[in-house]
Amino acid sequence: MNNIKKQKIIVNTCTIVQYLVYFMCINIYQVNFRSGMRFENIDEPIEVIALFRKGKMRPIKFRWNSRVYRIERINGGWKSDQGRDRMLHYSIMCDGPDVYEISCSVESMIWKIDRVCMEG
């Protein structure tokens, strides 16, 4: 197989994996969505403490609106390209039922909170 075909297969596989992780995270909480969960788009900068181990980055805590959130669980992660920048996305949970989506720009290393799925 030539390099172009291999690259297309890798790109297509990565895209499929991104969508599968995203929908898997949503389906885990599908029952809760029906019982009053709602999405709120945030798109605000946050400060993050992350662990770097074995070539991977794992967010541990973040500060948003003067409050520190300890990340209890990472539901999934995926990558996306925005122009020349690569974004690393994480679906996370802290100390309650809310699910947060945070992202980091690989180029600028700026973190932001994209949206929150909240109860009520």
PDB file of N, CA and C in Angstrom:
ATOM      1  N   MET A   1       0.853  -1.164   0.000  1.00  0.00           N
ATOM      2  CA  MET A   1       0.000   0.000   0.000  1.00  0.00           C
ATOM      3  C   MET A   1       0.907   1.238   0.000  1.00  0.00           C
ATOM      4  N   ASN A   2       0.584   2.203  -0.829  1.00  0.00           N
ATOM      5  CA  ASN A   2       1.438   3.392  -0.872  1.00  0.00           C
ATOM      6  C   ASN A   2       1.137   4.321   0.308  1.00  0.00           C
ATOM      7  N   ASN A   3       2.024   5.320   0.510  1.00  0.00           N
ATOM      8  CA  ASN A   3       1.919   6.220   1.668  1.00  0.00           C
ATOM      9  C   ASN A   3       0.635   7.039   1.680  1.00  0.00           C
ATOM     10  N   ILE A   4       0.151   7.479   0.517  1.00  0.00           N
ATOM     11  CA  ILE A   4      -1.066   8.298   0.465  1.00  0.00           C
ATOM     12  C   ILE A   4      -2.259   7.501   0.975  1.00  0.00           C
ATOM     13  N   LYS A   5      -2.378   6.244   0.533  1.00  0.00           N
ATOM     14  CA  LYS A   5      -3.490   5.416   1.010  1.00  0.00           C
ATOM     15  C   LYS A   5      -3.377   5.173   2.510  1.00  0.00           C
ATOM     16  N   LYS A   6      -2.154   4.928   3.009  1.00  0.00           N
ATOM     17  CA  LYS A   6      -1.968   4.725   4.451  1.00  0.00           C
ATOM     18  C   LYS A   6      -2.368   5.969   5.225  1.00  0.00           C
ATOM     19  N   GLN A   7      -1.990   7.149   4.737  1.00  0.00           N
ATOM     20  CA  GLN A   7      -2.338   8.391   5.413  1.00  0.00           C
ATOM     21  C   GLN A   7      -3.846   8.590   5.436  1.00  0.00           C
ATOM     22  N   LYS A   8      -4.534   8.296   4.324  1.00  0.00           N
ATOM     23  CA  LYS A   8      -5.996   8.443   4.286  1.00  0.00           C
ATOM     24  C   LYS A   8      -6.647   7.503   5.287  1.00  0.00           C
ATOM     25  N   ILE A   9      -6.152   6.282   5.356  1.00  0.00           N
ATOM     26  CA  ILE A   9      -6.727   5.310   6.291  1.00  0.00           C
ATOM     27  C   ILE A   9      -6.514   5.784   7.721  1.00  0.00           C
ATOM     28  N   ILE A  10      -5.310   6.291   8.035  1.00  0.00           N
ATOM     29  CA  ILE A  10      -5.032   6.773   9.390  1.00  0.00           C
ATOM     30  C   ILE A  10      -5.920   7.959   9.728  1.00  0.00           C
ATOM     31  N   VAL A  11      -6.051   8.921   8.821  1.00  0.00           N
ATOM     32  CA  VAL A  11      -6.895  10.093   9.057  1.00  0.00           C
ATOM     33  C   VAL A  11      -8.343   9.674   9.251  1.00  0.00           C
ATOM     34  N   ASN A  12      -8.851   8.811   8.376  1.00  0.00           N
ATOM     35  CA  ASN A  12     -10.239   8.354   8.501  1.00  0.00           C
ATOM     36  C   ASN A  12     -10.455   7.600   9.802  1.00  0.00           C
ATOM     37  N   THR A  13      -9.488   6.758  10.194  1.00  0.00           N
ATOM     38  CA  THR A  13      -9.606   6.016  11.443  1.00  0.00           C
ATOM     39  C   THR A  13      -9.623   6.963  12.626  1.00  0.00           C
ATOM     40  N   CYS A  14      -8.742   7.973  12.640  1.00  0.00           N
ATOM     41  CA  CYS A  14      -8.715   8.951  13.737  1.00  0.00           C
ATOM     42  C   CYS A  14     -10.037   9.698  13.832  1.00  0.00           C
ATOM     43  N   THR A  15     -10.593  10.100  12.693  1.00  0.00           N
ATOM     44  CA  THR A  15     -11.864  10.815  12.692  1.00  0.00           C
ATOM     45  C   THR A  15     -12.971   9.924  13.242  1.00  0.00           C
ATOM     46  N   ILE A  16     -12.992   8.681  12.846  1.00  0.00           N
ATOM     47  CA  ILE A  16     -14.008   7.738  13.333  1.00  0.00           C
ATOM     48  C   ILE A  16     -13.862   7.558  14.835  1.00  0.00           C
ATOM     49  N   VAL A  17     -12.631   7.408  15.320  1.00  0.00           N
ATOM     50  CA  VAL A  17     -12.400   7.233  16.752  1.00  0.00           C
ATOM     51  C   VAL A  17     -12.869   8.461  17.533  1.00  0.00           C
ATOM     52  N   GLN A  18     -12.606   9.673  17.004  1.00  0.00           N
ATOM     53  CA  GLN A  18     -13.059  10.900  17.671  1.00  0.00           C
ATOM     54  C   GLN A  18     -14.569  10.876  17.866  1.00  0.00           C
ATOM     55  N   TYR A  19     -15.293  10.557  16.810  1.00  0.00           N
ATOM     56  CA  TYR A  19     -16.751  10.542  16.897  1.00  0.00           C
ATOM     57  C   TYR A  19     -17.249   9.434  17.813  1.00  0.00           C
ATOM     58  N   LEU A  20     -16.593   8.271  17.775  1.00  0.00           N
ATOM     59  CA  LEU A  20     -17.013   7.177  18.647  1.00  0.00           C
ATOM     60  C   LEU A  20     -16.832   7.544  20.113  1.00  0.00           C
ATOM     61  N   VAL A  21     -15.696   8.159  20.460  1.00  0.00           N
ATOM     62  CA  VAL A  21     -15.469   8.576  21.847  1.00  0.00           C
ATOM     63  C   VAL A  21     -16.506   9.607  22.259  1.00  0.00           C
ATOM     64  N   TYR A  22     -16.769  10.580  21.392  1.00  0.00           N
ATOM     65  CA  TYR A  22     -17.749  11.626  21.696  1.00  0.00           C
ATOM     66  C   TYR A  22     -19.134  11.024  21.944  1.00  0.00           C
ATOM     67  N   PHE A  23     -19.586  10.160  21.024  1.00  0.00           N
ATOM     68  CA  PHE A  23     -20.919   9.582  21.179  1.00  0.00           C
ATOM     69  C   PHE A  23     -20.973   8.587  22.331  1.00  0.00           C
ATOM     70  N   MET A  24     -19.866   7.898  22.606  1.00  0.00           N
ATOM     71  CA  MET A  24     -19.830   6.995  23.737  1.00  0.00           C
ATOM     72  C   MET A  24     -20.033   7.783  25.024  1.00  0.00           C
ATOM     73  N   CYS A  25     -19.353   8.929  25.149  1.00  0.00           N
ATOM     74  CA  CYS A  25     -19.494   9.761  26.354  1.00  0.00           C
ATOM     75  C   CYS A  25     -20.923  10.258  26.494  1.00  0.00           C
ATOM     76  N   ILE A  26     -21.530  10.643  25.402  1.00  0.00           N
ATOM     77  CA  ILE A  26     -22.912  11.118  25.455  1.00  0.00           C
ATOM     78  C   ILE A  26     -23.854   9.974  25.818  1.00  0.00           C
ATOM     79  N   ASN A  27     -23.643   8.791  25.218  1.00  0.00           N
ATOM     80  CA  ASN A  27     -24.542   7.665  25.477  1.00  0.00           C
ATOM     81  C   ASN A  27     -24.448   7.163  26.913  1.00  0.00           C
ATOM     82  N   ILE A  28     -23.279   7.312  27.544  1.00  0.00           N
ATOM     83  CA  ILE A  28     -23.144   6.898  28.941  1.00  0.00           C
ATOM     84  C   ILE A  28     -24.142   7.648  29.811  1.00  0.00           C
ATOM     85  N   TYR A  29     -24.360   8.914  29.480  1.00  0.00           N
ATOM     86  CA  TYR A  29     -25.219   9.762  30.297  1.00  0.00           C
ATOM     87  C   TYR A  29     -26.569  10.041  29.646  1.00  0.00           C
ATOM     88  N   GLN A  30     -26.931   9.234  28.665  1.00  0.00           N
ATOM     89  CA  GLN A  30     -28.171   9.455  27.923  1.00  0.00           C
ATOM     90  C   GLN A  30     -29.392   9.410  28.846  1.00  0.00           C
ATOM     91  N   VAL A  31     -29.402   8.505  29.794  1.00  0.00           N
ATOM     92  CA  VAL A  31     -30.524   8.410  30.725  1.00  0.00           C
ATOM     93  C   VAL A  31     -30.648   9.716  31.507  1.00  0.00           C
ATOM     94  N   ASN A  32     -29.532  10.276  31.956  1.00  0.00           N
ATOM     95  CA  ASN A  32     -29.563  11.529  32.699  1.00  0.00           C
ATOM     96  C   ASN A  32     -30.029  12.693  31.832  1.00  0.00           C
ATOM     97  N   PHE A  33     -29.669  12.690  30.527  1.00  0.00           N
ATOM     98  CA  PHE A  33     -30.106  13.763  29.636  1.00  0.00           C
ATOM     99  C   PHE A  33     -31.627  13.809  29.583  1.00  0.00           C
ATOM    100  N   ARG A  34     -32.241  12.647  29.550  1.00  0.00           N
ATOM    101  CA  ARG A  34     -33.700  12.595  29.467  1.00  0.00           C
ATOM    102  C   ARG A  34     -34.349  13.100  30.748  1.00  0.00           C
ATOM    103  N   SER A  35     -33.604  13.025  31.852  1.00  0.00           N
ATOM    104  CA  SER A  35     -34.202  13.424  33.124  1.00  0.00           C
ATOM    105  C   SER A  35     -33.758  14.826  33.542  1.00  0.00           C
ATOM    106  N   GLY A  36     -33.590  15.711  32.581  1.00  0.00           N
ATOM    107  CA  GLY A  36     -33.354  17.099  32.921  1.00  0.00           C
ATOM    108  C   GLY A  36     -31.940  17.612  32.723  1.00  0.00           C
ATOM    109  N   MET A  37     -31.081  16.905  32.048  1.00  0.00           N
ATOM    110  CA  MET A  37     -29.728  17.401  31.788  1.00  0.00           C
ATOM    111  C   MET A  37     -29.794  18.394  30.627  1.00  0.00           C
ATOM    112  N   ARG A  38     -28.927  19.423  30.666  1.00  0.00           N
ATOM    113  CA  ARG A  38     -28.897  20.396  29.576  1.00  0.00           C
ATOM    114  C   ARG A  38     -27.466  20.829  29.297  1.00  0.00           C
ATOM    115  N   PHE A  39     -27.187  21.143  28.031  1.00  0.00           N
ATOM    116  CA  PHE A  39     -25.874  21.634  27.614  1.00  0.00           C
ATOM    117  C   PHE A  39     -25.836  23.147  27.710  1.00  0.00           C
ATOM    118  N   GLU A  40     -24.703  23.674  28.160  1.00  0.00           N
ATOM    119  CA  GLU A  40     -24.480  25.112  28.147  1.00  0.00           C
ATOM    120  C   GLU A  40     -23.105  25.363  27.526  1.00  0.00           C
ATOM    121  N   ASN A  41     -23.075  26.070  26.398  1.00  0.00           N
ATOM    122  CA  ASN A  41     -21.812  26.425  25.765  1.00  0.00           C
ATOM    123  C   ASN A  41     -21.150  27.525  26.573  1.00  0.00           C
ATOM    124  N   ILE A  42     -19.851  27.355  26.873  1.00  0.00           N
ATOM    125  CA  ILE A  42     -19.127  28.287  27.731  1.00  0.00           C
ATOM    126  C   ILE A  42     -18.072  29.056  26.939  1.00  0.00           C
ATOM    127  N   ASP A  43     -17.114  28.355  26.352  1.00  0.00           N
ATOM    128  CA  ASP A  43     -16.045  28.930  25.529  1.00  0.00           C
ATOM    129  C   ASP A  43     -15.280  30.038  26.276  1.00  0.00           C
ATOM    130  N   GLU A  44     -14.744  29.687  27.475  1.00  0.00           N
ATOM    131  CA  GLU A  44     -13.979  30.633  28.283  1.00  0.00           C
ATOM    132  C   GLU A  44     -12.618  30.028  28.626  1.00  0.00           C
ATOM    133  N   PRO A  45     -11.590  30.883  28.782  1.00  0.00           N
ATOM    134  CA  PRO A  45     -10.268  30.358  29.161  1.00  0.00           C
ATOM    135  C   PRO A  45     -10.274  29.836  30.595  1.00  0.00           C
ATOM    136  N   ILE A  46      -9.461  28.809  30.827  1.00  0.00           N
ATOM    137  CA  ILE A  46      -9.295  28.233  32.163  1.00  0.00           C
ATOM    138  C   ILE A  46      -7.810  27.977  32.404  1.00  0.00           C
ATOM    139  N   GLU A  47      -7.441  27.808  33.671  1.00  0.00           N
ATOM    140  CA  GLU A  47      -6.092  27.396  34.042  1.00  0.00           C
ATOM    141  C   GLU A  47      -6.154  25.920  34.390  1.00  0.00           C
ATOM    142  N   VAL A  48      -5.157  25.145  33.915  1.00  0.00           N
ATOM    143  CA  VAL A  48      -5.180  23.696  34.100  1.00  0.00           C
ATOM    144  C   VAL A  48      -3.845  23.207  34.650  1.00  0.00           C
ATOM    145  N   ILE A  49      -3.925  22.280  35.576  1.00  0.00           N
ATOM    146  CA  ILE A  49      -2.751  21.517  36.008  1.00  0.00           C
ATOM    147  C   ILE A  49      -2.876  20.161  35.341  1.00  0.00           C
ATOM    148  N   ALA A  50      -1.827  19.773  34.616  1.00  0.00           N
ATOM    149  CA  ALA A  50      -1.859  18.515  33.873  1.00  0.00           C
ATOM    150  C   ALA A  50      -0.633  17.678  34.198  1.00  0.00           C
ATOM    151  N   LEU A  51      -0.801  16.375  34.104  1.00  0.00           N
ATOM    152  CA  LEU A  51       0.270  15.412  34.307  1.00  0.00           C
ATOM    153  C   LEU A  51       0.766  14.949  32.946  1.00  0.00           C
ATOM    154  N   PHE A  52       2.074  14.970  32.755  1.00  0.00           N
ATOM    155  CA  PHE A  52       2.668  14.466  31.522  1.00  0.00           C
ATOM    156  C   PHE A  52       3.404  13.173  31.866  1.00  0.00           C
ATOM    157  N   ARG A  53       2.948  12.066  31.262  1.00  0.00           N
ATOM    158  CA  ARG A  53       3.544  10.765  31.548  1.00  0.00           C
ATOM    159  C   ARG A  53       3.505   9.899  30.294  1.00  0.00           C
ATOM    160  N   LYS A  54       4.638   9.305  29.975  1.00  0.00           N
ATOM    161  CA  LYS A  54       4.757   8.390  28.834  1.00  0.00           C
ATOM    162  C   LYS A  54       4.248   9.017  27.545  1.00  0.00           C
ATOM    163  N   GLY A  55       4.574  10.284  27.329  1.00  0.00           N
ATOM    164  CA  GLY A  55       4.198  10.975  26.099  1.00  0.00           C
ATOM    165  C   GLY A  55       2.742  11.395  26.013  1.00  0.00           C
ATOM    166  N   LYS A  56       2.012  11.291  27.110  1.00  0.00           N
ATOM    167  CA  LYS A  56       0.599  11.678  27.108  1.00  0.00           C
ATOM    168  C   LYS A  56       0.349  12.748  28.161  1.00  0.00           C
ATOM    169  N   MET A  57      -0.624  13.601  27.876  1.00  0.00           N
ATOM    170  CA  MET A  57      -1.010  14.660  28.798  1.00  0.00           C
ATOM    171  C   MET A  57      -2.365  14.310  29.410  1.00  0.00           C
ATOM    172  N   ARG A  58      -2.458  14.457  30.737  1.00  0.00           N
ATOM    173  CA  ARG A  58      -3.706  14.156  31.445  1.00  0.00           C
ATOM    174  C   ARG A  58      -4.038  15.315  32.376  1.00  0.00           C
ATOM    175  N   PRO A  59      -5.156  16.021  32.110  1.00  0.00           N
ATOM    176  CA  PRO A  59      -5.542  17.109  33.022  1.00  0.00           C
ATOM    177  C   PRO A  59      -5.946  16.546  34.386  1.00  0.00           C
ATOM    178  N   ILE A  60      -5.539  17.254  35.446  1.00  0.00           N
ATOM    179  CA  ILE A  60      -5.816  16.801  36.812  1.00  0.00           C
ATOM    180  C   ILE A  60      -6.768  17.749  37.542  1.00  0.00           C
ATOM    181  N   LYS A  61      -6.543  19.069  37.382  1.00  0.00           N
ATOM    182  CA  LYS A  61      -7.374  20.097  38.015  1.00  0.00           C
ATOM    183  C   LYS A  61      -7.502  21.260  37.054  1.00  0.00           C
ATOM    184  N   PHE A  62      -8.577  22.035  37.234  1.00  0.00           N
ATOM    185  CA  PHE A  62      -8.684  23.284  36.484  1.00  0.00           C
ATOM    186  C   PHE A  62      -9.353  24.356  37.342  1.00  0.00           C
ATOM    187  N   ARG A  63      -9.036  25.617  37.020  1.00  0.00           N
ATOM    188  CA  ARG A  63      -9.638  26.753  37.718  1.00  0.00           C
ATOM    189  C   ARG A  63     -10.522  27.490  36.720  1.00  0.00           C
ATOM    190  N   TRP A  64     -11.772  27.709  37.145  1.00  0.00           N
ATOM    191  CA  TRP A  64     -12.746  28.424  36.318  1.00  0.00           C
ATOM    192  C   TRP A  64     -13.614  29.261  37.241  1.00  0.00           C
ATOM    193  N   ASN A  65     -13.769  30.540  36.924  1.00  0.00           N
ATOM    194  CA  ASN A  65     -14.558  31.464  37.750  1.00  0.00           C
ATOM    195  C   ASN A  65     -14.123  31.443  39.213  1.00  0.00           C
ATOM    196  N   SER A  66     -12.813  31.499  39.445  1.00  0.00           N
ATOM    197  CA  SER A  66     -12.223  31.557  40.790  1.00  0.00           C
ATOM    198  C   SER A  66     -12.468  30.303  41.627  1.00  0.00           C
ATOM    199  N   ARG A  67     -12.876  29.216  41.017  1.00  0.00           N
ATOM    200  CA  ARG A  67     -13.085  27.958  41.732  1.00  0.00           C
ATOM    201  C   ARG A  67     -12.186  26.894  41.130  1.00  0.00           C
ATOM    202  N   VAL A  68     -11.587  26.058  41.973  1.00  0.00           N
ATOM    203  CA  VAL A  68     -10.742  24.961  41.509  1.00  0.00           C
ATOM    204  C   VAL A  68     -11.569  23.681  41.477  1.00  0.00           C
ATOM    205  N   TYR A  69     -11.517  22.975  40.349  1.00  0.00           N
ATOM    206  CA  TYR A  69     -12.237  21.723  40.139  1.00  0.00           C
ATOM    207  C   TYR A  69     -11.219  20.590  40.035  1.00  0.00           C
ATOM    208  N   ARG A  70     -11.335  19.592  40.865  1.00  0.00           N
ATOM    209  CA  ARG A  70     -10.479  18.410  40.789  1.00  0.00           C
ATOM    210  C   ARG A  70     -11.142  17.411  39.846  1.00  0.00           C
ATOM    211  N   ILE A  71     -10.414  16.964  38.840  1.00  0.00           N
ATOM    212  CA  ILE A  71     -10.965  16.046  37.848  1.00  0.00           C
ATOM    213  C   ILE A  71     -10.965  14.629  38.427  1.00  0.00           C
ATOM    214  N   GLU A  72     -12.158  14.076  38.587  1.00  0.00           N
ATOM    215  CA  GLU A  72     -12.321  12.736  39.152  1.00  0.00           C
ATOM    216  C   GLU A  72     -12.246  11.653  38.075  1.00  0.00           C
ATOM    217  N   ARG A  73     -12.704  12.003  36.871  1.00  0.00           N
ATOM    218  CA  ARG A  73     -12.799  10.983  35.809  1.00  0.00           C
ATOM    219  C   ARG A  73     -12.666  11.635  34.445  1.00  0.00           C
ATOM    220  N   ILE A  74     -11.902  10.992  33.570  1.00  0.00           N
ATOM    221  CA  ILE A  74     -11.834  11.405  32.164  1.00  0.00           C
ATOM    222  C   ILE A  74     -12.666  10.395  31.382  1.00  0.00           C
ATOM    223  N   ASN A  75     -13.782  10.869  30.827  1.00  0.00           N
ATOM    224  CA  ASN A  75     -14.680   9.992  30.079  1.00  0.00           C
ATOM    225  C   ASN A  75     -14.105   9.613  28.719  1.00  0.00           C
ATOM    226  N   GLY A  76     -13.339  10.521  28.130  1.00  0.00           N
ATOM    227  CA  GLY A  76     -12.758  10.269  26.821  1.00  0.00           C
ATOM    228  C   GLY A  76     -11.968  11.469  26.355  1.00  0.00           C
ATOM    229  N   GLY A  77     -11.194  11.262  25.326  1.00  0.00           N
ATOM    230  CA  GLY A  77     -10.411  12.332  24.743  1.00  0.00           C
ATOM    231  C   GLY A  77     -10.306  12.159  23.245  1.00  0.00           C
ATOM    232  N   TRP A  78     -10.157  13.259  22.534  1.00  0.00           N
ATOM    233  CA  TRP A  78     -10.031  13.213  21.088  1.00  0.00           C
ATOM    234  C   TRP A  78      -9.284  14.439  20.605  1.00  0.00           C
ATOM    235  N   LYS A  79      -8.860  14.399  19.361  1.00  0.00           N
ATOM    236  CA  LYS A  79      -8.117  15.502  18.752  1.00  0.00           C
ATOM    237  C   LYS A  79      -8.917  16.064  17.594  1.00  0.00           C
ATOM    238  N   SER A  80      -8.720  17.355  17.331  1.00  0.00           N
ATOM    239  CA  SER A  80      -9.324  17.972  16.150  1.00  0.00           C
ATOM    240  C   SER A  80      -8.353  19.017  15.619  1.00  0.00           C
ATOM    241  N   ASP A  81      -8.480  19.318  14.358  1.00  0.00           N
ATOM    242  CA  ASP A  81      -7.658  20.342  13.733  1.00  0.00           C
ATOM    243  C   ASP A  81      -8.510  21.571  13.466  1.00  0.00           C
ATOM    244  N   GLN A  82      -7.986  22.738  13.871  1.00  0.00           N
ATOM    245  CA  GLN A  82      -8.646  24.010  13.590  1.00  0.00           C
ATOM    246  C   GLN A  82      -7.629  24.865  12.851  1.00  0.00           C
ATOM    247  N   GLY A  83      -7.709  24.825  11.535  1.00  0.00           N
ATOM    248  CA  GLY A  83      -6.688  25.483  10.721  1.00  0.00           C
ATOM    249  C   GLY A  83      -5.383  24.735  10.879  1.00  0.00           C
ATOM    250  N   ARG A  84      -4.334  25.463  11.256  1.00  0.00           N
ATOM    251  CA  ARG A  84      -3.033  24.829  11.476  1.00  0.00           C
ATOM    252  C   ARG A  84      -2.853  24.345  12.907  1.00  0.00           C
ATOM    253  N   ASP A  85      -3.784  24.654  13.764  1.00  0.00           N
ATOM    254  CA  ASP A  85      -3.681  24.301  15.172  1.00  0.00           C
ATOM    255  C   ASP A  85      -4.365  22.963  15.442  1.00  0.00           C
ATOM    256  N   ARG A  86      -3.766  22.166  16.286  1.00  0.00           N
ATOM    257  CA  ARG A  86      -4.370  20.915  16.739  1.00  0.00           C
ATOM    258  C   ARG A  86      -4.930  21.152  18.132  1.00  0.00           C
ATOM    259  N   MET A  87      -6.149  20.692  18.353  1.00  0.00           N
ATOM    260  CA  MET A  87      -6.811  20.832  19.648  1.00  0.00           C
ATOM    261  C   MET A  87      -6.924  19.456  20.299  1.00  0.00           C
ATOM    262  N   LEU A  88      -6.660  19.399  21.585  1.00  0.00           N
ATOM    263  CA  LEU A  88      -6.860  18.189  22.379  1.00  0.00           C
ATOM    264  C   LEU A  88      -8.100  18.408  23.237  1.00  0.00           C
ATOM    265  N   HIS A  89      -9.076  17.545  23.102  1.00  0.00           N
ATOM    266  CA  HIS A  89     -10.352  17.683  23.808  1.00  0.00           C
ATOM    267  C   HIS A  89     -10.484  16.572  24.849  1.00  0.00           C
ATOM    268  N   TYR A  90     -11.126  16.915  25.958  1.00  0.00           N
ATOM    269  CA  TYR A  90     -11.382  15.944  27.023  1.00  0.00           C
ATOM    270  C   TYR A  90     -12.803  16.107  27.533  1.00  0.00           C
ATOM    271  N   SER A  91     -13.484  14.993  27.710  1.00  0.00           N
ATOM    272  CA  SER A  91     -14.768  14.971  28.398  1.00  0.00           C
ATOM    273  C   SER A  91     -14.463  14.491  29.810  1.00  0.00           C
ATOM    274  N   ILE A  92     -14.802  15.319  30.812  1.00  0.00           N
ATOM    275  CA  ILE A  92     -14.387  15.022  32.188  1.00  0.00           C
ATOM    276  C   ILE A  92     -15.555  15.186  33.158  1.00  0.00           C
ATOM    277  N   MET A  93     -15.375  14.595  34.341  1.00  0.00           N
ATOM    278  CA  MET A  93     -16.314  14.778  35.444  1.00  0.00           C
ATOM    279  C   MET A  93     -15.529  15.163  36.678  1.00  0.00           C
ATOM    280  N   CYS A  94     -16.125  16.015  37.496  1.00  0.00           N
ATOM    281  CA  CYS A  94     -15.494  16.436  38.744  1.00  0.00           C
ATOM    282  C   CYS A  94     -16.242  15.792  39.910  1.00  0.00           C
ATOM    283  N   ASP A  95     -16.692  16.550  40.868  1.00  0.00           N
ATOM    284  CA  ASP A  95     -17.302  15.978  42.068  1.00  0.00           C
ATOM    285  C   ASP A  95     -18.824  15.927  42.035  1.00  0.00           C
ATOM    286  N   GLY A  96     -19.422  15.989  40.893  1.00  0.00           N
ATOM    287  CA  GLY A  96     -20.876  15.932  40.799  1.00  0.00           C
ATOM    288  C   GLY A  96     -21.309  15.266  39.508  1.00  0.00           C
ATOM    289  N   PRO A  97     -22.577  15.400  39.157  1.00  0.00           N
ATOM    290  CA  PRO A  97     -23.089  14.749  37.947  1.00  0.00           C
ATOM    291  C   PRO A  97     -22.778  15.502  36.657  1.00  0.00           C
ATOM    292  N   ASP A  98     -22.253  16.745  36.747  1.00  0.00           N
ATOM    293  CA  ASP A  98     -21.997  17.545  35.550  1.00  0.00           C
ATOM    294  C   ASP A  98     -20.838  16.965  34.733  1.00  0.00           C
ATOM    295  N   VAL A  99     -20.953  17.082  33.414  1.00  0.00           N
ATOM    296  CA  VAL A  99     -19.910  16.634  32.492  1.00  0.00           C
ATOM    297  C   VAL A  99     -19.363  17.876  31.797  1.00  0.00           C
ATOM    298  N   TYR A 100     -18.041  18.055  31.872  1.00  0.00           N
ATOM    299  CA  TYR A 100     -17.373  19.213  31.292  1.00  0.00           C
ATOM    300  C   TYR A 100     -16.603  18.790  30.047  1.00  0.00           C
ATOM    301  N   GLU A 101     -16.589  19.647  29.052  1.00  0.00           N
ATOM    302  CA  GLU A 101     -15.741  19.441  27.886  1.00  0.00           C
ATOM    303  C   GLU A 101     -14.710  20.559  27.889  1.00  0.00           C
ATOM    304  N   ILE A 102     -13.431  20.173  28.039  1.00  0.00           N
ATOM    305  CA  ILE A 102     -12.351  21.147  28.031  1.00  0.00           C
ATOM    306  C   ILE A 102     -11.422  20.840  26.862  1.00  0.00           C
ATOM    307  N   SER A 103     -10.662  21.839  26.428  1.00  0.00           N
ATOM    308  CA  SER A 103      -9.748  21.624  25.294  1.00  0.00           C
ATOM    309  C   SER A 103      -8.488  22.451  25.475  1.00  0.00           C
ATOM    310  N   CYS A 104      -7.437  22.005  24.798  1.00  0.00           N
ATOM    311  CA  CYS A 104      -6.135  22.667  24.858  1.00  0.00           C
ATOM    312  C   CYS A 104      -5.604  22.834  23.442  1.00  0.00           C
ATOM    313  N   SER A 105      -5.133  24.030  23.133  1.00  0.00           N
ATOM    314  CA  SER A 105      -4.479  24.297  21.856  1.00  0.00           C
ATOM    315  C   SER A 105      -3.037  23.806  21.964  1.00  0.00           C
ATOM    316  N   VAL A 106      -2.630  22.918  21.070  1.00  0.00           N
ATOM    317  CA  VAL A 106      -1.267  22.396  21.088  1.00  0.00           C
ATOM    318  C   VAL A 106      -0.275  23.508  20.752  1.00  0.00           C
ATOM    319  N   GLU A 107      -0.651  24.396  19.848  1.00  0.00           N
ATOM    320  CA  GLU A 107       0.248  25.466  19.415  1.00  0.00           C
ATOM    321  C   GLU A 107       0.496  26.490  20.527  1.00  0.00           C
ATOM    322  N   SER A 108      -0.562  26.974  21.164  1.00  0.00           N
ATOM    323  CA  SER A 108      -0.420  28.034  22.168  1.00  0.00           C
ATOM    324  C   SER A 108      -0.438  27.511  23.606  1.00  0.00           C
ATOM    325  N   MET A 109      -0.833  26.246  23.801  1.00  0.00           N
ATOM    326  CA  MET A 109      -0.998  25.640  25.126  1.00  0.00           C
ATOM    327  C   MET A 109      -1.994  26.415  25.982  1.00  0.00           C
ATOM    328  N   ILE A 110      -2.994  26.999  25.348  1.00  0.00           N
ATOM    329  CA  ILE A 110      -4.069  27.692  26.054  1.00  0.00           C
ATOM    330  C   ILE A 110      -5.244  26.734  26.211  1.00  0.00           C
ATOM    331  N   TRP A 111      -5.731  26.639  27.439  1.00  0.00           N
ATOM    332  CA  TRP A 111      -6.861  25.776  27.746  1.00  0.00           C
ATOM    333  C   TRP A 111      -8.146  26.597  27.778  1.00  0.00           C
ATOM    334  N   LYS A 112      -9.260  25.935  27.473  1.00  0.00           N
ATOM    335  CA  LYS A 112     -10.559  26.585  27.628  1.00  0.00           C
ATOM    336  C   LYS A 112     -11.601  25.533  27.982  1.00  0.00           C
ATOM    337  N   ILE A 113     -12.661  26.016  28.600  1.00  0.00           N
ATOM    338  CA  ILE A 113     -13.808  25.152  28.865  1.00  0.00           C
ATOM    339  C   ILE A 113     -14.801  25.432  27.751  1.00  0.00           C
ATOM    340  N   ASP A 114     -15.133  24.370  27.004  1.00  0.00           N
ATOM    341  CA  ASP A 114     -15.991  24.516  25.827  1.00  0.00           C
ATOM    342  C   ASP A 114     -17.471  24.524  26.209  1.00  0.00           C
ATOM    343  N   ARG A 115     -17.852  23.530  26.994  1.00  0.00           N
ATOM    344  CA  ARG A 115     -19.259  23.449  27.394  1.00  0.00           C
ATOM    345  C   ARG A 115     -19.407  22.557  28.598  1.00  0.00           C
ATOM    346  N   VAL A 116     -20.577  22.633  29.205  1.00  0.00           N
ATOM    347  CA  VAL A 116     -20.909  21.839  30.380  1.00  0.00           C
ATOM    348  C   VAL A 116     -22.283  21.227  30.158  1.00  0.00           C
ATOM    349  N   CYS A 117     -22.417  19.979  30.532  1.00  0.00           N
ATOM    350  CA  CYS A 117     -23.714  19.322  30.545  1.00  0.00           C
ATOM    351  C   CYS A 117     -24.122  19.240  32.014  1.00  0.00           C
ATOM    352  N   MET A 118     -25.175  19.996  32.358  1.00  0.00           N
ATOM    353  CA  MET A 118     -25.558  20.143  33.769  1.00  0.00           C
ATOM    354  C   MET A 118     -26.917  19.532  34.047  1.00  0.00           C
ATOM    355  N   GLU A 119     -27.090  19.158  35.288  1.00  0.00           N
ATOM    356  CA  GLU A 119     -28.384  18.690  35.751  1.00  0.00           C
ATOM    357  C   GLU A 119     -29.294  19.882  35.977  1.00  0.00           C
ATOM    358  N   GLY A 120     -30.569  19.719  35.649  1.00  0.00           N
ATOM    359  CA  GLY A 120     -31.533  20.777  35.955  1.00  0.00           C
ATOM    360  C   GLY A 120     -31.761  21.633  34.844  1.00  0.00           C
TER     361      GLY A 120
END
